[in-house]
């Protein structure tokens, strides 16, 4: 199903010049100086990480997908940890809408499913 983006919904994507890390169970899952920060109405800012800066060996593709009318179809990943699997802890837009094409292939993490997402200087 194709969902058309709402022209009135403003999404801003900026290159984040800070260090951003995802840490869970004391292990760094992602660490980058090249995150993208996505801001949109009604949602908290979300950091998107280049795959090269994510420990992809810890992510396992989920069967879950979701359709966002503003960004496109998201695919999800489980996070494999020493204590077990955290279901659908991360997602990616493989073929996002043209209006947000910058996030294509980047990985975002659910802040409620990991211990910390830190932004430092």
Protein backbone atom coordinates (compact mmCIF):
# COMPACT_ATOMS: atom_id res chain seq x y z
CA UNK A 1 0.00 0.00 0.00
CA UNK A 2 1.41 3.37 -0.98
CA UNK A 3 0.68 6.24 1.39
CA UNK A 4 1.16 9.74 0.10
CA UNK A 5 2.98 12.22 2.38
CA UNK A 6 0.96 15.09 3.82
CA UNK A 7 2.28 18.33 2.35
CA UNK A 8 1.31 20.19 5.55
CA UNK A 9 3.39 17.90 7.82
CA UNK A 10 6.82 19.47 8.26
CA UNK A 11 9.80 17.18 8.83
CA UNK A 12 13.23 18.66 9.39
CA UNK A 13 16.40 16.62 9.02
CA UNK A 14 19.73 18.11 10.05
CA UNK A 15 23.25 16.73 10.23
CA UNK A 16 24.12 16.35 13.90
CA UNK A 17 27.66 17.56 14.59
CA UNK A 18 27.78 15.94 18.05
CA UNK A 19 28.80 12.46 19.09
CA UNK A 20 25.72 10.26 19.46
CA UNK A 21 25.85 6.77 20.98
CA UNK A 22 23.43 3.95 21.71
CA UNK A 23 24.41 1.94 24.78
CA UNK A 24 22.69 -1.12 26.15
CA UNK A 25 23.93 -3.46 28.87
CA UNK A 26 27.17 -1.50 29.02
CA UNK A 27 27.89 -2.24 25.35
CA UNK A 28 28.02 0.44 22.68
CA UNK A 29 25.69 -0.56 19.86
CA UNK A 30 26.13 2.58 17.75
CA UNK A 31 28.64 5.43 17.93
CA UNK A 32 28.78 8.22 15.37
CA UNK A 33 29.78 11.77 14.62
CA UNK A 34 27.50 11.72 11.55
CA UNK A 35 23.98 11.17 12.91
CA UNK A 36 20.97 12.80 11.33
CA UNK A 37 18.44 14.39 13.68
CA UNK A 38 14.86 14.13 12.46
CA UNK A 39 12.28 16.50 13.98
CA UNK A 40 8.57 16.39 13.28
CA UNK A 41 5.42 17.68 14.96
CA UNK A 42 4.06 15.52 17.75
CA UNK A 43 7.18 13.39 18.16
CA UNK A 44 10.47 13.57 20.02
CA UNK A 45 13.59 14.14 17.95
CA UNK A 46 15.00 10.92 16.55
CA UNK A 47 18.65 10.22 15.73
CA UNK A 48 19.39 8.21 12.62
CA UNK A 49 22.78 6.46 12.47
CA UNK A 50 24.81 5.57 9.39
CA UNK A 51 25.02 1.78 9.18
CA UNK A 52 28.81 1.97 9.13
CA UNK A 53 28.60 3.32 12.70
CA UNK A 54 26.16 0.67 13.99
CA UNK A 55 27.20 -2.78 15.18
CA UNK A 56 24.93 -4.48 12.65
CA UNK A 57 26.05 -7.91 13.90
CA UNK A 58 23.90 -7.21 16.99
CA UNK A 59 20.79 -6.51 14.89
CA UNK A 60 18.51 -9.22 13.54
CA UNK A 61 15.88 -8.40 10.92
CA UNK A 62 12.34 -8.59 12.30
CA UNK A 63 9.25 -9.54 10.32
CA UNK A 64 7.60 -6.32 11.49
CA UNK A 65 7.11 -3.41 9.13
CA UNK A 66 5.08 -0.24 9.46
CA UNK A 67 3.89 2.42 7.07
CA UNK A 68 4.36 6.08 7.91
CA UNK A 69 2.47 8.49 5.66
CA UNK A 70 5.31 11.00 5.97
CA UNK A 71 8.41 8.80 5.69
CA UNK A 72 7.43 5.54 3.99
CA UNK A 73 7.73 1.91 5.04
CA UNK A 74 9.95 1.07 8.01
CA UNK A 75 11.60 -2.28 8.57
CA UNK A 76 12.49 -3.31 12.12
CA UNK A 77 15.38 -5.04 13.84
CA UNK A 78 15.69 -6.98 17.07
CA UNK A 79 18.71 -6.17 19.24
CA UNK A 80 20.70 -9.21 20.35
CA UNK A 81 22.22 -8.75 23.80
CA UNK A 82 23.98 -10.93 26.35
CA UNK A 83 20.69 -11.08 28.26
CA UNK A 84 18.54 -12.04 25.30
CA UNK A 85 16.74 -10.38 22.42
CA UNK A 86 15.01 -7.01 22.55
CA UNK A 87 12.25 -7.13 19.96
CA UNK A 88 11.93 -4.33 17.41
CA UNK A 89 14.51 -2.10 19.11
CA UNK A 90 15.57 -0.39 15.88
CA UNK A 91 14.16 0.51 12.48
CA UNK A 92 15.22 1.75 9.09
CA UNK A 93 13.59 3.23 6.01
CA UNK A 94 15.15 1.42 3.06
CA UNK A 95 13.25 3.43 0.44
CA UNK A 96 11.84 6.52 2.17
CA UNK A 97 9.68 9.13 0.49
CA UNK A 98 11.66 11.67 -1.55
CA UNK A 99 10.97 14.39 1.03
CA UNK A 100 13.05 12.47 3.62
CA UNK A 101 15.44 10.59 1.33
CA UNK A 102 18.42 11.53 3.56
CA UNK A 103 17.43 8.89 6.14
CA UNK A 104 17.38 6.08 3.58
CA UNK A 105 19.36 3.12 4.92
CA UNK A 106 20.13 4.82 8.24
CA UNK A 107 19.17 3.07 11.49
CA UNK A 108 17.20 4.61 14.38
CA UNK A 109 16.73 3.14 17.86
CA UNK A 110 13.72 3.14 20.17
CA UNK A 111 14.91 5.08 23.23
CA UNK A 112 12.49 3.14 25.43
CA UNK A 113 14.01 -0.22 24.43
CA UNK A 114 17.69 0.55 24.98
CA UNK A 115 19.42 1.76 28.15
CA UNK A 116 20.71 5.05 26.76
CA UNK A 117 21.02 7.20 23.70
CA UNK A 118 23.58 9.89 24.50
CA UNK A 119 24.49 13.03 22.65
CA UNK A 120 27.72 14.66 23.74
CA UNK A 121 29.90 17.44 22.41
